[in-house]
Amino acid sequence: MDRRRIENWWRRVAADENPSPFVGFEQGLLLAASMPFEAVARIRDFLYETGMLAILKLPVPVISFGNLTVGGTGKTPAAVWCADYLARKGLRPGIASRGYNPEVGHTEPPNDEAELIRELLPDVPHVWDADRAKAGKVLVKERQCNVVILDDGYQHRRVHRTIDFLLVDALAPFGHGYMLPRGLLREPMSALRRASTIIITRSNLVSREELVRIRQKIWRYSEGVRLAEAVHRPTGLYMAGGVREEVEALRDRKVFAFCAIANPQSFFMTLSNLGARSVGTKTFPDHHVYDESDLKTVFSQAATNGADLVVTTQKDRVKTGWREGSEPPLAELRVRFELVKGREFVEPSLDFLAKRAGEGSTA
């Protein structure tokens, strides 16, 4: 059984969507496996809370973006938005990511997210290391950054953070209520209490009633925490050669969509909301490295289904290249992180931090 089939099986079982008559037994096994995982998470949290595990404080402010669940909640787009915001305030932000690579300081991005950050923010230093403390030191001492942004840093508690943003995906907010591997939670729900601000992402893809339910559940665990809402706003349709079309060009167009992201449904829903006529989709595991066979399959299925256009995400396109001359042609739907609720307290907190960082204080 290959990785893709195993992952699909696991996600169906975790979401209680597996039609197998043995699903109860399967869930029981996963639940048993999740118990030691939860115990370790709680013990680790206790050790940090009591000071038994040391927390490094960098000499500059640190802003963390992370989540409680495995999979994408929009952490990297949020980190990009924050870095751009602070750079426009005159600061020199740097981004520290895990990068799925044990070496620090290498010149080539180790994965799709790192390549995406380099493409969007070519002037912002970006260091990759599983040890975010080490990456933070490099950004401060070698790259002269006066603020550090942790991409996917919520569980990396060894680094003190000035602001701790926790992102909750409106489409899959609480990991089906269980820790890994029974559910998608990396930590117990009680970890919500550590957040400075919680941002509900993809808030435009669910009803207002669902947003109210999400807010109420968050407040049950972290009463009074500040809640913001964000969307991934489509900004344009890009093709080879730098050709750009407005997103309205997707309306009534026959589209075959593919991606390798943690929440592919959000991408497909966005295309549908833009009026695209889906003639097929294909998904790959998150961070999948495409080979020529994968792409031949995608374009063959698209042609067979009569697609006018093959559409993917910017994160995927940095791995596939532009595929110039392909039929159907390849297009990238570009989006940006945008706060739609909570700007009145999120932006002032960043402004205050920018002022203190500019003065040389860690805030």
Protein backbone atom coordinates (compact mmCIF):
# COMPACT_ATOMS: atom_id res chain seq x y z
CA MET A 1 0.00 0.00 0.00
CA ASP A 2 1.55 3.33 -1.06
CA ARG A 3 1.74 6.47 1.05
CA ARG A 4 -1.17 8.17 -0.73
CA ARG A 5 -3.57 5.30 -0.08
CA ILE A 6 -2.49 5.03 3.56
CA GLU A 7 -2.99 8.75 4.10
CA ASN A 8 -6.40 8.72 2.40
CA TRP A 9 -7.47 5.74 4.54
CA TRP A 10 -6.26 7.44 7.73
CA ARG A 11 -8.02 10.73 6.97
CA ARG A 12 -11.30 8.92 6.19
CA VAL A 13 -11.11 6.95 9.43
CA ALA A 14 -10.22 10.04 11.46
CA ALA A 15 -13.12 11.97 9.91
CA ASP A 16 -15.51 9.02 10.44
CA GLU A 17 -16.04 8.84 6.67
CA ASN A 18 -14.75 5.31 6.07
CA PRO A 19 -17.59 2.96 4.99
CA SER A 20 -15.66 -0.13 6.13
CA PRO A 21 -17.58 -2.43 8.53
CA PHE A 22 -14.39 -2.47 10.60
CA VAL A 23 -14.24 1.31 11.03
CA GLY A 24 -15.04 1.09 14.75
CA PHE A 25 -12.17 -1.33 15.29
CA GLU A 26 -9.85 0.87 13.19
CA GLN A 27 -10.79 3.96 15.17
CA GLY A 28 -10.24 2.06 18.42
CA LEU A 29 -6.72 1.15 17.38
CA LEU A 30 -5.96 4.74 16.41
CA LEU A 31 -7.43 6.00 19.68
CA ALA A 32 -5.20 3.65 21.68
CA ALA A 33 -2.21 4.90 19.73
CA SER A 34 -3.17 8.53 20.41
CA MET A 35 -3.11 8.12 24.21
CA PRO A 36 0.69 8.03 24.63
CA PHE A 37 0.98 10.85 22.09
CA GLU A 38 -1.34 13.00 24.21
CA ALA A 39 0.48 12.06 27.40
CA VAL A 40 3.81 13.15 25.93
CA ALA A 41 2.28 16.45 24.73
CA ARG A 42 0.82 17.19 28.16
CA ILE A 43 4.06 16.34 29.98
CA ARG A 44 6.06 18.51 27.59
CA ASP A 45 3.63 21.39 28.10
CA PHE A 46 3.91 21.01 31.89
CA LEU A 47 7.71 21.08 31.75
CA TYR A 48 7.70 24.33 29.78
CA GLU A 49 5.03 25.93 31.97
CA THR A 50 6.99 25.15 35.15
CA GLY A 51 10.33 26.26 33.72
CA MET A 52 11.86 22.79 33.87
CA LEU A 53 12.54 23.07 30.15
CA ALA A 54 14.43 26.22 29.19
CA ILE A 55 12.97 28.81 26.82
CA LEU A 56 15.38 30.89 24.74
CA LYS A 57 14.65 34.61 24.46
CA LEU A 58 16.12 36.15 21.33
CA PRO A 59 17.28 39.79 21.53
CA VAL A 60 14.56 40.85 19.07
CA PRO A 61 10.75 40.45 19.04
CA VAL A 62 9.46 37.09 17.84
CA ILE A 63 6.09 36.53 16.15
CA SER A 64 4.82 32.97 15.76
CA PHE A 65 2.20 31.62 13.38
CA GLY A 66 1.02 28.07 13.99
CA ASN A 67 -1.90 25.75 14.54
CA LEU A 68 -3.10 22.86 16.68
CA THR A 69 -3.76 20.45 13.83
CA VAL A 70 -1.69 18.73 11.17
CA GLY A 71 -2.31 20.09 7.73
CA GLY A 72 -2.68 23.52 6.26
CA THR A 73 -4.43 26.38 7.99
CA GLY A 74 -2.64 29.06 5.98
CA LYS A 75 0.40 29.54 8.22
CA THR A 76 2.83 30.36 5.43
CA PRO A 77 0.57 32.94 3.70
CA ALA A 78 0.01 34.54 7.12
CA ALA A 79 3.76 34.66 7.79
CA VAL A 80 4.32 36.20 4.35
CA TRP A 81 1.63 38.81 5.03
CA CYS A 82 3.20 39.67 8.39
CA ALA A 83 6.73 39.94 6.98
CA ASP A 84 5.51 42.20 4.19
CA TYR A 85 3.56 44.36 6.66
CA LEU A 86 6.58 44.81 8.94
CA ALA A 87 8.96 45.45 6.03
CA ARG A 88 6.69 48.27 4.86
CA LYS A 89 7.00 49.71 8.38
CA GLY A 90 10.75 49.96 7.89
CA LEU A 91 11.80 46.84 9.81
CA ARG A 92 14.01 43.98 8.63
CA PRO A 93 11.97 40.84 9.37
CA GLY A 94 13.30 37.35 8.90
CA ILE A 95 11.39 34.07 8.67
CA ALA A 96 12.41 30.87 10.45
CA SER A 97 10.90 27.64 9.14
CA ARG A 98 11.44 23.98 9.75
CA GLY A 99 12.04 23.35 6.08
CA TYR A 100 12.07 19.53 6.36
CA ASN A 101 15.86 19.71 6.19
CA PRO A 102 18.31 19.31 9.08
CA GLU A 103 20.89 21.73 7.70
CA VAL A 104 20.81 25.47 8.29
CA GLY A 105 22.07 28.20 5.99
CA HIS A 106 21.87 26.25 2.73
CA THR A 107 21.13 28.30 -0.39
CA GLU A 108 18.42 26.29 -2.13
CA PRO A 109 14.90 26.16 -0.61
CA PRO A 110 14.30 22.67 0.79
CA ASN A 111 10.57 22.47 -0.01
CA ASP A 112 7.61 24.10 -1.72
CA GLU A 113 6.79 26.48 1.13
CA ALA A 114 10.35 27.78 1.26
CA GLU A 115 10.41 28.25 -2.52
CA LEU A 116 7.09 30.09 -2.30
CA ILE A 117 8.42 32.45 0.37
CA ARG A 118 11.51 33.18 -1.73
CA GLU A 119 9.34 33.93 -4.75
CA LEU A 120 6.96 36.22 -2.84
CA LEU A 121 9.53 37.91 -0.57
CA PRO A 122 12.89 37.85 -2.35
CA ASP A 123 14.33 40.51 -0.04
CA VAL A 124 13.28 38.91 3.26
CA PRO A 125 15.88 36.59 4.86
CA HIS A 126 14.58 33.06 5.34
CA VAL A 127 16.40 30.35 7.29
CA TRP A 128 15.34 26.70 7.52
CA ASP A 129 16.15 24.47 10.45
CA ALA A 130 14.25 21.97 12.58
CA ASP A 131 15.74 23.86 15.55
CA ARG A 132 13.94 27.19 15.23
CA ALA A 133 16.11 28.64 18.02
CA LYS A 134 19.19 28.07 15.91
CA ALA A 135 17.46 29.53 12.86
CA GLY A 136 16.42 32.58 14.89
CA LYS A 137 20.01 33.17 16.03
CA VAL A 138 21.21 33.04 12.43
CA LEU A 139 18.58 35.58 11.37
CA VAL A 140 19.58 37.98 14.15
CA LYS A 141 23.36 37.59 14.17
CA GLU A 142 24.16 36.87 10.52
CA ARG A 143 21.25 38.43 8.62
CA GLN A 144 20.80 41.47 10.91
CA CYS A 145 17.05 40.98 11.31
CA ASN A 146 15.33 43.04 14.01
CA VAL A 147 12.21 40.85 14.18
CA VAL A 148 11.87 37.07 13.71
CA ILE A 149 8.75 35.36 12.35
CA LEU A 150 8.27 31.66 13.14
CA ASP A 151 6.42 29.81 10.39
CA ASP A 152 4.63 26.85 12.02
CA GLY A 153 6.02 27.70 15.43
CA TYR A 154 3.16 27.07 17.88
CA GLN A 155 4.59 23.77 19.12
CA HIS A 156 8.20 25.02 19.05
CA ARG A 157 8.10 26.32 22.60
CA ARG A 158 11.85 26.48 23.08
CA VAL A 159 11.75 29.98 21.57
CA HIS A 160 10.05 32.76 23.53
CA ARG A 161 7.58 34.67 21.39
CA THR A 162 6.33 38.23 21.78
CA ILE A 163 3.11 37.52 19.88
CA ASP A 164 1.67 34.02 19.42
CA PHE A 165 -0.86 33.80 16.58
CA LEU A 166 -2.81 30.55 16.44
CA LEU A 167 -4.59 29.81 13.15
CA VAL A 168 -7.77 27.73 13.05
CA ASP A 169 -9.03 26.53 9.66
CA ALA A 170 -12.79 27.12 9.44
CA LEU A 171 -13.16 24.04 7.19
CA ALA A 172 -11.53 21.66 9.70
CA PRO A 173 -11.17 23.61 12.93
CA PHE A 174 -10.50 21.08 15.68
CA GLY A 175 -8.98 17.98 14.11
CA HIS A 176 -12.14 15.87 14.61
CA GLY A 177 -11.70 16.29 18.37
CA TYR A 178 -8.88 13.78 18.88
CA MET A 179 -5.12 13.77 19.12
CA LEU A 180 -2.99 12.10 16.48
CA PRO A 181 -3.42 9.53 15.07
CA ARG A 182 -7.12 9.14 15.98
CA GLY A 183 -7.69 12.74 14.94
CA LEU A 184 -5.61 15.59 13.56
CA LEU A 185 -4.72 17.43 16.77
CA ARG A 186 -1.02 17.94 17.53
CA GLU A 187 -1.85 19.11 21.06
CA PRO A 188 -4.87 18.94 23.38
CA MET A 189 -7.49 21.67 22.94
CA SER A 190 -6.32 23.22 26.21
CA ALA A 191 -3.29 24.51 24.27
CA LEU A 192 -5.59 27.18 22.81
CA ARG A 193 -4.95 29.13 26.03
CA ARG A 194 -1.36 29.95 25.01
CA ALA A 195 -2.40 32.02 22.00
CA SER A 196 -2.15 35.82 22.06
CA THR A 197 -4.69 35.99 19.22
CA ILE A 198 -6.57 33.28 17.34
CA ILE A 199 -7.24 33.82 13.63
CA ILE A 200 -9.98 31.77 11.96
CA THR A 201 -8.77 31.29 8.39
CA ARG A 202 -10.83 30.55 5.25
CA SER A 203 -13.72 32.16 7.09
CA ASN A 204 -15.50 32.90 3.81
CA LEU A 205 -15.85 29.20 2.98
CA VAL A 206 -18.30 28.39 5.80
CA SER A 207 -21.59 29.87 6.97
CA ARG A 208 -21.84 32.57 9.62
CA GLU A 209 -23.60 30.01 11.83
CA GLU A 210 -20.58 27.72 11.60
CA LEU A 211 -18.26 30.62 12.45
CA VAL A 212 -20.34 31.32 15.55
CA ARG A 213 -20.02 27.66 16.60
CA ILE A 214 -16.24 27.79 16.08
CA ARG A 215 -15.95 30.97 18.13
CA GLN A 216 -18.04 29.53 20.95
CA LYS A 217 -15.95 26.38 21.12
CA ILE A 218 -12.70 28.37 21.17
CA TRP A 219 -14.01 30.53 24.03
CA ARG A 220 -14.92 27.40 26.02
CA TYR A 221 -11.21 26.59 26.18
CA SER A 222 -9.78 30.11 26.16
CA GLU A 223 -12.34 32.54 27.53
CA GLY A 224 -12.00 36.05 26.17
CA VAL A 225 -9.12 35.39 23.77
CA ARG A 226 -9.07 37.87 20.89
CA LEU A 227 -10.52 36.35 17.73
CA ALA A 228 -9.87 37.56 14.19
CA GLU A 229 -11.01 36.20 10.83
CA ALA A 230 -9.07 35.93 7.59
CA VAL A 231 -9.57 34.81 4.00
CA HIS A 232 -7.25 33.72 1.22
CA ARG A 233 -8.26 36.33 -1.33
CA PRO A 234 -7.73 35.35 -5.01
CA THR A 235 -5.66 38.09 -6.65
CA GLY A 236 -5.10 36.85 -10.19
CA LEU A 237 -4.68 34.00 -12.64
CA TYR A 238 -1.09 33.68 -13.86
CA MET A 239 0.29 31.79 -16.83
CA ALA A 240 3.66 31.19 -18.48
CA GLY A 241 5.52 34.28 -19.57
CA GLY A 242 4.07 36.39 -16.77
CA VAL A 243 0.65 36.64 -18.44
CA ARG A 244 -1.93 37.68 -15.86
CA GLU A 245 -5.72 37.55 -16.08
CA GLU A 246 -8.29 38.72 -13.59
CA VAL A 247 -9.90 35.94 -11.56
CA GLU A 248 -13.19 36.71 -13.34
CA ALA A 249 -11.65 34.95 -16.36
CA LEU A 250 -12.39 31.64 -14.63
CA ARG A 251 -16.15 32.13 -14.83
CA ASP A 252 -17.76 29.39 -16.96
CA ARG A 253 -14.33 28.10 -17.96
CA LYS A 254 -13.87 24.32 -18.04
CA VAL A 255 -11.13 23.72 -15.49
CA PHE A 256 -9.16 20.67 -14.36
CA ALA A 257 -7.59 21.41 -10.96
CA PHE A 258 -4.79 19.63 -9.14
CA CYS A 259 -2.78 20.29 -5.98
CA ALA A 260 -0.63 18.76 -3.25
CA ILE A 261 -1.75 20.72 -0.21
CA ALA A 262 -3.09 19.63 3.15
CA ASN A 263 -6.59 20.97 2.51
CA PRO A 264 -7.30 20.53 -1.21
CA GLN A 265 -11.02 21.08 -0.70
CA SER A 266 -10.40 24.73 0.13
CA PHE A 267 -8.69 25.22 -3.25
CA PHE A 268 -11.46 23.46 -5.16
CA MET A 269 -14.12 25.44 -3.30
CA THR A 270 -12.37 28.70 -4.16
CA LEU A 271 -12.37 27.81 -7.86
CA SER A 272 -16.05 26.92 -7.69
CA ASN A 273 -16.87 30.19 -5.93
CA LEU A 274 -15.11 32.02 -8.77
CA GLY A 275 -17.48 30.40 -11.25
CA ALA A 276 -15.12 27.82 -12.77
CA ARG A 277 -16.76 24.70 -14.26
CA SER A 278 -14.89 21.73 -12.85
CA VAL A 279 -14.28 18.87 -15.29
CA GLY A 280 -12.07 16.98 -12.87
CA THR A 281 -9.63 17.20 -9.97
CA LYS A 282 -6.56 15.32 -8.80
CA THR A 283 -4.91 15.50 -5.39
CA PHE A 284 -1.49 14.46 -4.15
CA PRO A 285 -0.15 14.24 -0.57
CA ASP A 286 0.94 17.50 1.07
CA HIS A 287 4.50 18.50 0.02
CA HIS A 288 4.43 15.90 -2.77
CA VAL A 289 7.39 16.12 -5.13
CA TYR A 290 6.03 15.85 -8.67
CA ASP A 291 7.71 13.69 -11.26
CA GLU A 292 7.09 13.66 -14.99
CA SER A 293 4.69 10.73 -14.70
CA ASP A 294 2.46 12.66 -12.27
CA LEU A 295 2.24 15.63 -14.59
CA LYS A 296 1.62 13.53 -17.68
CA THR A 297 -1.31 11.93 -15.86
CA VAL A 298 -2.71 15.34 -14.86
CA PHE A 299 -2.57 16.83 -18.36
CA SER A 300 -3.80 13.63 -20.00
CA GLN A 301 -6.87 13.51 -17.74
CA ALA A 302 -7.48 17.22 -18.30
CA ALA A 303 -7.37 16.81 -22.09
CA THR A 304 -9.59 13.73 -21.98
CA ASN A 305 -12.16 15.61 -19.87
CA GLY A 306 -12.23 18.55 -22.28
CA ALA A 307 -10.62 21.12 -19.98
CA ASP A 308 -9.82 24.59 -21.30
CA LEU A 309 -7.33 25.14 -18.51
CA VAL A 310 -5.35 23.23 -15.90
CA VAL A 311 -5.23 25.22 -12.65
CA THR A 312 -3.06 24.71 -9.59
CA THR A 313 -1.87 26.70 -6.56
CA GLN A 314 1.21 28.90 -6.47
CA LYS A 315 2.71 26.52 -3.92
CA ASP A 316 2.36 23.67 -6.43
CA ARG A 317 3.45 25.66 -9.46
CA VAL A 318 6.84 26.44 -7.91
CA LYS A 319 7.43 22.66 -8.02
CA THR A 320 5.94 21.88 -11.43
CA GLY A 321 7.36 24.81 -13.37
CA TRP A 322 5.22 26.61 -15.94
CA ARG A 323 4.94 23.68 -18.38
CA GLU A 324 5.16 26.08 -21.31
CA GLY A 325 3.37 24.83 -24.41
CA SER A 326 1.27 22.31 -22.51
CA GLU A 327 -2.24 21.51 -23.68
CA PRO A 328 -4.42 22.45 -21.96
CA PRO A 329 -2.32 25.38 -20.70
CA LEU A 330 -1.32 25.58 -17.04
CA ALA A 331 -2.47 28.47 -14.86
CA GLU A 332 -1.72 29.35 -11.24
CA LEU A 333 -4.39 30.85 -9.00
CA ARG A 334 -2.60 33.30 -6.76
CA VAL A 335 -4.08 34.28 -3.39
CA ARG A 336 -3.09 36.51 -0.49
CA PHE A 337 -3.82 36.33 3.23
CA GLU A 338 -6.23 39.09 4.23
CA LEU A 339 -7.74 39.95 7.59
CA VAL A 340 -11.46 40.62 7.32
CA LYS A 341 -12.18 40.86 11.06
CA GLY A 342 -9.90 41.89 13.89
CA ARG A 343 -7.66 44.32 12.03
CA GLU A 344 -8.45 46.90 14.70
CA PHE A 345 -6.38 44.95 17.27
CA VAL A 346 -4.03 42.80 15.14
CA GLU A 347 -2.44 45.64 13.19
CA PRO A 348 -1.96 47.94 16.23
CA SER A 349 -0.20 45.10 18.07
CA LEU A 350 2.17 44.72 15.12
CA ASP A 351 2.61 48.50 14.93
CA PHE A 352 3.55 48.63 18.62
CA LEU A 353 5.99 45.78 18.15
CA ALA A 354 7.47 47.52 15.09
CA LYS A 355 7.99 50.70 17.09
CA ARG A 356 9.73 48.85 19.92
CA ALA A 357 11.84 46.80 17.49
CA GLY A 358 12.86 49.98 15.70
CA GLU A 359 14.00 51.36 19.05
CA GLY A 360 16.07 48.24 19.69
CA SER A 361 13.77 46.71 22.36
CA THR A 362 12.54 43.12 22.37
CA ALA A 363 9.05 44.31 23.43
